[in-house]
């Protein structure tokens, strides 16, 4: 469990940041009339923020399969590193 948390800590931080950002957006900017499908409900906005936070922070996390970054091009079998 400890290895899993250490490996994915950045993604968890992204979800937590997104949850907080979604709630803050709902609280300060959200739609009061109830006609906005996402921003009028705090739970939907927090879920949306968590997904966006995960996706944003996932860009910066290292992938275990990215150790060998050689791309093989079919033009005369040349390798580009």
PDB file of N, CA and C in Angstrom:
ATOM      1  N   UNK A   1       0.820  -1.193   0.000  1.00  0.00           N
ATOM      2  CA  UNK A   1       0.000   0.000   0.000  1.00  0.00           C
ATOM      3  C   UNK A   1       0.867   1.261   0.000  1.00  0.00           C
ATOM      4  N   UNK A   2       1.968   1.202   0.751  1.00  0.00           N
ATOM      5  CA  UNK A   2       2.857   2.357   0.823  1.00  0.00           C
ATOM      6  C   UNK A   2       3.483   2.636  -0.540  1.00  0.00           C
ATOM      7  N   UNK A   3       3.871   1.568  -1.260  1.00  0.00           N
ATOM      8  CA  UNK A   3       4.449   1.742  -2.589  1.00  0.00           C
ATOM      9  C   UNK A   3       3.437   2.358  -3.558  1.00  0.00           C
ATOM     10  N   UNK A   4       2.180   1.922  -3.438  1.00  0.00           N
ATOM     11  CA  UNK A   4       1.134   2.464  -4.299  1.00  0.00           C
ATOM     12  C   UNK A   4       0.946   3.956  -4.048  1.00  0.00           C
ATOM     13  N   UNK A   5       0.914   4.358  -2.785  1.00  0.00           N
ATOM     14  CA  UNK A   5       0.741   5.772  -2.456  1.00  0.00           C
ATOM     15  C   UNK A   5       1.937   6.610  -2.896  1.00  0.00           C
ATOM     16  N   UNK A   6       3.139   6.057  -2.735  1.00  0.00           N
ATOM     17  CA  UNK A   6       4.324   6.788  -3.170  1.00  0.00           C
ATOM     18  C   UNK A   6       4.380   6.919  -4.686  1.00  0.00           C
ATOM     19  N   UNK A   7       3.886   5.912  -5.388  1.00  0.00           N
ATOM     20  CA  UNK A   7       3.918   5.931  -6.847  1.00  0.00           C
ATOM     21  C   UNK A   7       2.881   6.908  -7.420  1.00  0.00           C
ATOM     22  N   UNK A   8       1.728   7.024  -6.763  1.00  0.00           N
ATOM     23  CA  UNK A   8       0.630   7.819  -7.303  1.00  0.00           C
ATOM     24  C   UNK A   8       0.302   9.060  -6.475  1.00  0.00           C
ATOM     25  N   UNK A   9       1.240   9.559  -5.700  1.00  0.00           N
ATOM     26  CA  UNK A   9       0.956  10.683  -4.818  1.00  0.00           C
ATOM     27  C   UNK A   9       0.587  11.944  -5.582  1.00  0.00           C
ATOM     28  N   UNK A  10       1.169  12.134  -6.749  1.00  0.00           N
ATOM     29  CA  UNK A  10       0.887  13.335  -7.523  1.00  0.00           C
ATOM     30  C   UNK A  10      -0.546  13.322  -8.054  1.00  0.00           C
ATOM     31  N   UNK A  11      -1.031  12.160  -8.427  1.00  0.00           N
ATOM     32  CA  UNK A  11      -2.417  12.043  -8.895  1.00  0.00           C
ATOM     33  C   UNK A  11      -3.397  12.307  -7.761  1.00  0.00           C
ATOM     34  N   UNK A  12      -3.093  11.792  -6.558  1.00  0.00           N
ATOM     35  CA  UNK A  12      -3.952  12.056  -5.404  1.00  0.00           C
ATOM     36  C   UNK A  12      -3.960  13.545  -5.063  1.00  0.00           C
ATOM     37  N   UNK A  13      -2.823  14.177  -5.194  1.00  0.00           N
ATOM     38  CA  UNK A  13      -2.745  15.617  -4.946  1.00  0.00           C
ATOM     39  C   UNK A  13      -3.571  16.378  -5.985  1.00  0.00           C
ATOM     40  N   UNK A  14      -3.576  15.902  -7.207  1.00  0.00           N
ATOM     41  CA  UNK A  14      -4.384  16.531  -8.248  1.00  0.00           C
ATOM     42  C   UNK A  14      -5.872  16.406  -7.975  1.00  0.00           C
ATOM     43  N   UNK A  15      -6.299  15.241  -7.505  1.00  0.00           N
ATOM     44  CA  UNK A  15      -7.710  15.052  -7.169  1.00  0.00           C
ATOM     45  C   UNK A  15      -8.099  15.961  -6.004  1.00  0.00           C
ATOM     46  N   UNK A  16      -7.262  16.035  -4.973  1.00  0.00           N
ATOM     47  CA  UNK A  16      -7.565  16.878  -3.818  1.00  0.00           C
ATOM     48  C   UNK A  16      -7.598  18.357  -4.215  1.00  0.00           C
ATOM     49  N   UNK A  17      -6.660  18.781  -5.033  1.00  0.00           N
ATOM     50  CA  UNK A  17      -6.636  20.166  -5.499  1.00  0.00           C
ATOM     51  C   UNK A  17      -7.868  20.467  -6.352  1.00  0.00           C
ATOM     52  N   UNK A  18      -8.237  19.518  -7.201  1.00  0.00           N
ATOM     53  CA  UNK A  18      -9.420  19.698  -8.036  1.00  0.00           C
ATOM     54  C   UNK A  18     -10.702  19.756  -7.222  1.00  0.00           C
ATOM     55  N   UNK A  19     -10.802  18.922  -6.177  1.00  0.00           N
ATOM     56  CA  UNK A  19     -11.978  18.977  -5.308  1.00  0.00           C
ATOM     57  C   UNK A  19     -12.104  20.344  -4.645  1.00  0.00           C
ATOM     58  N   UNK A  20     -11.008  20.823  -4.121  1.00  0.00           N
ATOM     59  CA  UNK A  20     -11.016  22.134  -3.479  1.00  0.00           C
ATOM     60  C   UNK A  20     -11.314  23.237  -4.496  1.00  0.00           C
ATOM     61  N   UNK A  21     -10.687  23.163  -5.655  1.00  0.00           N
ATOM     62  CA  UNK A  21     -10.928  24.162  -6.690  1.00  0.00           C
ATOM     63  C   UNK A  21     -12.370  24.142  -7.188  1.00  0.00           C
ATOM     64  N   UNK A  22     -12.962  22.950  -7.312  1.00  0.00           N
ATOM     65  CA  UNK A  22     -14.356  22.841  -7.733  1.00  0.00           C
ATOM     66  C   UNK A  22     -15.303  23.442  -6.720  1.00  0.00           C
ATOM     67  N   UNK A  23     -15.037  23.200  -5.442  1.00  0.00           N
ATOM     68  CA  UNK A  23     -15.894  23.780  -4.401  1.00  0.00           C
ATOM     69  C   UNK A  23     -15.750  25.300  -4.356  1.00  0.00           C
ATOM     70  N   UNK A  24     -14.519  25.786  -4.476  1.00  0.00           N
ATOM     71  CA  UNK A  24     -14.300  27.233  -4.471  1.00  0.00           C
ATOM     72  C   UNK A  24     -14.974  27.894  -5.671  1.00  0.00           C
ATOM     73  N   UNK A  25     -14.917  27.243  -6.814  1.00  0.00           N
ATOM     74  CA  UNK A  25     -15.580  27.793  -7.998  1.00  0.00           C
ATOM     75  C   UNK A  25     -17.089  27.834  -7.778  1.00  0.00           C
ATOM     76  N   UNK A  26     -17.649  26.768  -7.210  1.00  0.00           N
ATOM     77  CA  UNK A  26     -19.082  26.746  -6.924  1.00  0.00           C
ATOM     78  C   UNK A  26     -19.448  27.858  -5.943  1.00  0.00           C
ATOM     79  N   UNK A  27     -18.655  28.026  -4.911  1.00  0.00           N
ATOM     80  CA  UNK A  27     -18.975  28.975  -3.849  1.00  0.00           C
ATOM     81  C   UNK A  27     -18.903  30.421  -4.328  1.00  0.00           C
ATOM     82  N   UNK A  28     -17.863  30.763  -5.094  1.00  0.00           N
ATOM     83  CA  UNK A  28     -17.653  32.159  -5.486  1.00  0.00           C
ATOM     84  C   UNK A  28     -18.243  32.520  -6.851  1.00  0.00           C
ATOM     85  N   UNK A  29     -18.338  31.565  -7.775  1.00  0.00           N
ATOM     86  CA  UNK A  29     -18.759  31.884  -9.132  1.00  0.00           C
ATOM     87  C   UNK A  29     -20.063  31.194  -9.499  1.00  0.00           C
ATOM     88  N   UNK A  30     -20.374  30.083  -8.871  1.00  0.00           N
ATOM     89  CA  UNK A  30     -21.485  29.210  -9.247  1.00  0.00           C
ATOM     90  C   UNK A  30     -22.786  29.905  -9.608  1.00  0.00           C
ATOM     91  N   UNK A  31     -23.634  29.199 -10.301  1.00  0.00           N
ATOM     92  CA  UNK A  31     -24.903  29.710 -10.811  1.00  0.00           C
ATOM     93  C   UNK A  31     -25.965  29.630  -9.707  1.00  0.00           C
ATOM     94  N   UNK A  32     -26.549  30.744  -9.348  1.00  0.00           N
ATOM     95  CA  UNK A  32     -27.545  30.786  -8.276  1.00  0.00           C
ATOM     96  C   UNK A  32     -28.942  30.404  -8.749  1.00  0.00           C
ATOM     97  N   UNK A  33     -29.237  30.585 -10.016  1.00  0.00           N
ATOM     98  CA  UNK A  33     -30.589  30.336 -10.502  1.00  0.00           C
ATOM     99  C   UNK A  33     -30.897  28.850 -10.639  1.00  0.00           C
ATOM    100  N   UNK A  34     -29.893  28.013 -10.697  1.00  0.00           N
ATOM    101  CA  UNK A  34     -30.104  26.576 -10.843  1.00  0.00           C
ATOM    102  C   UNK A  34     -30.237  26.119 -12.279  1.00  0.00           C
ATOM    103  N   UNK A  35     -30.070  27.010 -13.228  1.00  0.00           N
ATOM    104  CA  UNK A  35     -30.200  26.623 -14.626  1.00  0.00           C
ATOM    105  C   UNK A  35     -28.902  26.086 -15.216  1.00  0.00           C
ATOM    106  N   UNK A  36     -27.795  26.285 -14.537  1.00  0.00           N
ATOM    107  CA  UNK A  36     -26.506  25.780 -15.016  1.00  0.00           C
ATOM    108  C   UNK A  36     -26.354  24.334 -14.525  1.00  0.00           C
ATOM    109  N   UNK A  37     -26.176  23.372 -15.410  1.00  0.00           N
ATOM    110  CA  UNK A  37     -26.185  21.977 -14.982  1.00  0.00           C
ATOM    111  C   UNK A  37     -25.001  21.563 -14.109  1.00  0.00           C
ATOM    112  N   UNK A  38     -23.851  22.170 -14.264  1.00  0.00           N
ATOM    113  CA  UNK A  38     -22.692  21.743 -13.477  1.00  0.00           C
ATOM    114  C   UNK A  38     -22.454  22.678 -12.298  1.00  0.00           C
ATOM    115  N   UNK A  39     -22.426  23.966 -12.544  1.00  0.00           N
ATOM    116  CA  UNK A  39     -22.021  24.903 -11.495  1.00  0.00           C
ATOM    117  C   UNK A  39     -23.107  25.190 -10.470  1.00  0.00           C
ATOM    118  N   UNK A  40     -24.348  24.744 -10.680  1.00  0.00           N
ATOM    119  CA  UNK A  40     -25.393  25.000  -9.695  1.00  0.00           C
ATOM    120  C   UNK A  40     -25.405  23.947  -8.590  1.00  0.00           C
ATOM    121  N   UNK A  41     -24.697  22.854  -8.772  1.00  0.00           N
ATOM    122  CA  UNK A  41     -24.653  21.776  -7.791  1.00  0.00           C
ATOM    123  C   UNK A  41     -23.215  21.633  -7.283  1.00  0.00           C
ATOM    124  N   UNK A  42     -22.961  21.743  -5.976  1.00  0.00           N
ATOM    125  CA  UNK A  42     -21.576  21.674  -5.487  1.00  0.00           C
ATOM    126  C   UNK A  42     -20.933  20.307  -5.701  1.00  0.00           C
ATOM    127  N   UNK A  43     -21.708  19.238  -5.640  1.00  0.00           N
ATOM    128  CA  UNK A  43     -21.140  17.904  -5.805  1.00  0.00           C
ATOM    129  C   UNK A  43     -20.699  17.655  -7.243  1.00  0.00           C
ATOM    130  N   UNK A  44     -21.497  18.109  -8.178  1.00  0.00           N
ATOM    131  CA  UNK A  44     -21.110  17.960  -9.584  1.00  0.00           C
ATOM    132  C   UNK A  44     -19.879  18.804  -9.901  1.00  0.00           C
ATOM    133  N   UNK A  45     -19.832  19.998  -9.343  1.00  0.00           N
ATOM    134  CA  UNK A  45     -18.690  20.879  -9.595  1.00  0.00           C
ATOM    135  C   UNK A  45     -17.426  20.317  -8.970  1.00  0.00           C
ATOM    136  N   UNK A  46     -17.543  19.735  -7.774  1.00  0.00           N
ATOM    137  CA  UNK A  46     -16.375  19.130  -7.133  1.00  0.00           C
ATOM    138  C   UNK A  46     -15.903  17.900  -7.897  1.00  0.00           C
ATOM    139  N   UNK A  47     -16.837  17.102  -8.416  1.00  0.00           N
ATOM    140  CA  UNK A  47     -16.464  15.938  -9.215  1.00  0.00           C
ATOM    141  C   UNK A  47     -15.765  16.373 -10.501  1.00  0.00           C
ATOM    142  N   UNK A  48     -16.306  17.396 -11.149  1.00  0.00           N
ATOM    143  CA  UNK A  48     -15.687  17.939 -12.356  1.00  0.00           C
ATOM    144  C   UNK A  48     -14.283  18.470 -12.053  1.00  0.00           C
ATOM    145  N   UNK A  49     -14.138  19.178 -10.944  1.00  0.00           N
ATOM    146  CA  UNK A  49     -12.829  19.698 -10.559  1.00  0.00           C
ATOM    147  C   UNK A  49     -11.842  18.583 -10.247  1.00  0.00           C
ATOM    148  N   UNK A  50     -12.325  17.496  -9.598  1.00  0.00           N
ATOM    149  CA  UNK A  50     -11.446  16.370  -9.285  1.00  0.00           C
ATOM    150  C   UNK A  50     -10.946  15.695 -10.551  1.00  0.00           C
ATOM    151  N   UNK A  51     -11.820  15.525 -11.526  1.00  0.00           N
ATOM    152  CA  UNK A  51     -11.403  14.910 -12.795  1.00  0.00           C
ATOM    153  C   UNK A  51     -10.397  15.808 -13.511  1.00  0.00           C
ATOM    154  N   UNK A  52     -10.670  17.094 -13.552  1.00  0.00           N
ATOM    155  CA  UNK A  52      -9.738  18.016 -14.208  1.00  0.00           C
ATOM    156  C   UNK A  52      -8.397  18.079 -13.470  1.00  0.00           C
ATOM    157  N   UNK A  53      -8.432  18.059 -12.145  1.00  0.00           N
ATOM    158  CA  UNK A  53      -7.195  18.051 -11.365  1.00  0.00           C
ATOM    159  C   UNK A  53      -6.383  16.793 -11.601  1.00  0.00           C
ATOM    160  N   UNK A  54      -7.074  15.642 -11.656  1.00  0.00           N
ATOM    161  CA  UNK A  54      -6.384  14.387 -11.935  1.00  0.00           C
ATOM    162  C   UNK A  54      -5.718  14.426 -13.307  1.00  0.00           C
ATOM    163  N   UNK A  55      -6.459  14.860 -14.305  1.00  0.00           N
ATOM    164  CA  UNK A  55      -5.903  14.894 -15.659  1.00  0.00           C
ATOM    165  C   UNK A  55      -4.743  15.880 -15.778  1.00  0.00           C
ATOM    166  N   UNK A  56      -4.860  17.019 -15.120  1.00  0.00           N
ATOM    167  CA  UNK A  56      -3.787  18.012 -15.178  1.00  0.00           C
ATOM    168  C   UNK A  56      -2.528  17.516 -14.475  1.00  0.00           C
ATOM    169  N   UNK A  57      -2.675  16.962 -13.285  1.00  0.00           N
ATOM    170  CA  UNK A  57      -1.507  16.504 -12.538  1.00  0.00           C
ATOM    171  C   UNK A  57      -0.933  15.214 -13.122  1.00  0.00           C
ATOM    172  N   UNK A  58      -1.746  14.431 -13.830  1.00  0.00           N
ATOM    173  CA  UNK A  58      -1.268  13.195 -14.440  1.00  0.00           C
ATOM    174  C   UNK A  58      -0.276  13.487 -15.561  1.00  0.00           C
ATOM    175  N   UNK A  59      -0.371  14.657 -16.156  1.00  0.00           N
ATOM    176  CA  UNK A  59       0.571  15.034 -17.206  1.00  0.00           C
ATOM    177  C   UNK A  59       1.997  15.058 -16.653  1.00  0.00           C
ATOM    178  N   UNK A  60       2.148  15.470 -15.398  1.00  0.00           N
ATOM    179  CA  UNK A  60       3.465  15.652 -14.810  1.00  0.00           C
ATOM    180  C   UNK A  60       3.974  14.420 -14.063  1.00  0.00           C
ATOM    181  N   UNK A  61       3.183  13.353 -13.965  1.00  0.00           N
ATOM    182  CA  UNK A  61       3.637  12.157 -13.255  1.00  0.00           C
ATOM    183  C   UNK A  61       4.457  11.288 -14.198  1.00  0.00           C
ATOM    184  N   UNK A  62       5.404  10.582 -13.635  1.00  0.00           N
ATOM    185  CA  UNK A  62       6.254   9.696 -14.411  1.00  0.00           C
ATOM    186  C   UNK A  62       5.532   8.380 -14.626  1.00  0.00           C
ATOM    187  N   UNK A  63       5.693   7.827 -15.813  1.00  0.00           N
ATOM    188  CA  UNK A  63       5.063   6.558 -16.140  1.00  0.00           C
ATOM    189  C   UNK A  63       6.121   5.464 -16.088  1.00  0.00           C
ATOM    190  N   UNK A  64       5.777   4.321 -15.517  1.00  0.00           N
ATOM    191  CA  UNK A  64       6.731   3.221 -15.383  1.00  0.00           C
ATOM    192  C   UNK A  64       7.118   2.637 -16.736  1.00  0.00           C
ATOM    193  N   UNK A  65       6.254   2.756 -17.742  1.00  0.00           N
ATOM    194  CA  UNK A  65       6.562   2.203 -19.050  1.00  0.00           C
ATOM    195  C   UNK A  65       7.410   3.149 -19.891  1.00  0.00           C
ATOM    196  N   UNK A  66       7.698   4.335 -19.427  1.00  0.00           N
ATOM    197  CA  UNK A  66       8.444   5.315 -20.198  1.00  0.00           C
ATOM    198  C   UNK A  66       9.954   5.209 -20.046  1.00  0.00           C
ATOM    199  N   UNK A  67      10.471   4.079 -19.560  1.00  0.00           N
ATOM    200  CA  UNK A  67      11.908   3.936 -19.350  1.00  0.00           C
ATOM    201  C   UNK A  67      12.668   3.854 -20.662  1.00  0.00           C
ATOM    202  N   UNK A  68      12.084   3.228 -21.658  1.00  0.00           N
ATOM    203  CA  UNK A  68      12.748   3.073 -22.944  1.00  0.00           C
ATOM    204  C   UNK A  68      12.034   3.967 -23.945  1.00  0.00           C
ATOM    205  N   UNK A  69      12.583   5.138 -24.193  1.00  0.00           N
ATOM    206  CA  UNK A  69      11.927   6.127 -25.039  1.00  0.00           C
ATOM    207  C   UNK A  69      12.478   6.143 -26.456  1.00  0.00           C
ATOM    208  N   UNK A  70      12.775   4.990 -27.021  1.00  0.00           N
ATOM    209  CA  UNK A  70      13.268   4.928 -28.393  1.00  0.00           C
ATOM    210  C   UNK A  70      12.085   4.757 -29.332  1.00  0.00           C
ATOM    211  N   UNK A  71      12.078   5.568 -30.352  1.00  0.00           N
ATOM    212  CA  UNK A  71      11.022   5.503 -31.350  1.00  0.00           C
ATOM    213  C   UNK A  71      11.632   4.968 -32.635  1.00  0.00           C
ATOM    214  N   UNK A  72      11.044   3.927 -33.152  1.00  0.00           N
ATOM    215  CA  UNK A  72      11.572   3.318 -34.372  1.00  0.00           C
ATOM    216  C   UNK A  72      10.773   3.842 -35.554  1.00  0.00           C
ATOM    217  N   UNK A  73      11.503   4.377 -36.527  1.00  0.00           N
ATOM    218  CA  UNK A  73      10.884   4.888 -37.742  1.00  0.00           C
ATOM    219  C   UNK A  73      11.126   3.877 -38.844  1.00  0.00           C
ATOM    220  N   UNK A  74      10.099   3.617 -39.642  1.00  0.00           N
ATOM    221  CA  UNK A  74      10.193   2.598 -40.672  1.00  0.00           C
ATOM    222  C   UNK A  74      11.004   3.044 -41.896  1.00  0.00           C
ATOM    223  N   UNK A  75      11.467   4.268 -41.961  1.00  0.00           N
ATOM    224  CA  UNK A  75      12.286   4.715 -43.080  1.00  0.00           C
ATOM    225  C   UNK A  75      13.714   4.219 -42.862  1.00  0.00           C
ATOM    226  N   UNK A  76      14.087   3.188 -43.545  1.00  0.00           N
ATOM    227  CA  UNK A  76      15.428   2.592 -43.494  1.00  0.00           C
ATOM    228  C   UNK A  76      15.794   2.109 -42.112  1.00  0.00           C
ATOM    229  N   UNK A  77      14.814   1.793 -41.260  1.00  0.00           N
ATOM    230  CA  UNK A  77      15.016   1.246 -39.913  1.00  0.00           C
ATOM    231  C   UNK A  77      15.951   2.086 -39.062  1.00  0.00           C
ATOM    232  N   UNK A  78      15.762   3.370 -39.051  1.00  0.00           N
ATOM    233  CA  UNK A  78      16.567   4.262 -38.221  1.00  0.00           C
ATOM    234  C   UNK A  78      15.880   4.450 -36.867  1.00  0.00           C
ATOM    235  N   UNK A  79      16.685   4.551 -35.824  1.00  0.00           N
ATOM    236  CA  UNK A  79      16.150   4.793 -34.491  1.00  0.00           C
ATOM    237  C   UNK A  79      16.393   6.245 -34.118  1.00  0.00           C
ATOM    238  N   UNK A  80      15.403   6.850 -33.498  1.00  0.00           N
ATOM    239  CA  UNK A  80      15.515   8.219 -33.018  1.00  0.00           C
ATOM    240  C   UNK A  80      15.420   8.185 -31.516  1.00  0.00           C
ATOM    241  N   UNK A  81      16.387   8.753 -30.825  1.00  0.00           N
ATOM    242  CA  UNK A  81      16.373   8.749 -29.368  1.00  0.00           C
ATOM    243  C   UNK A  81      15.988  10.090 -28.831  1.00  0.00           C
TER     244      UNK A  81
END
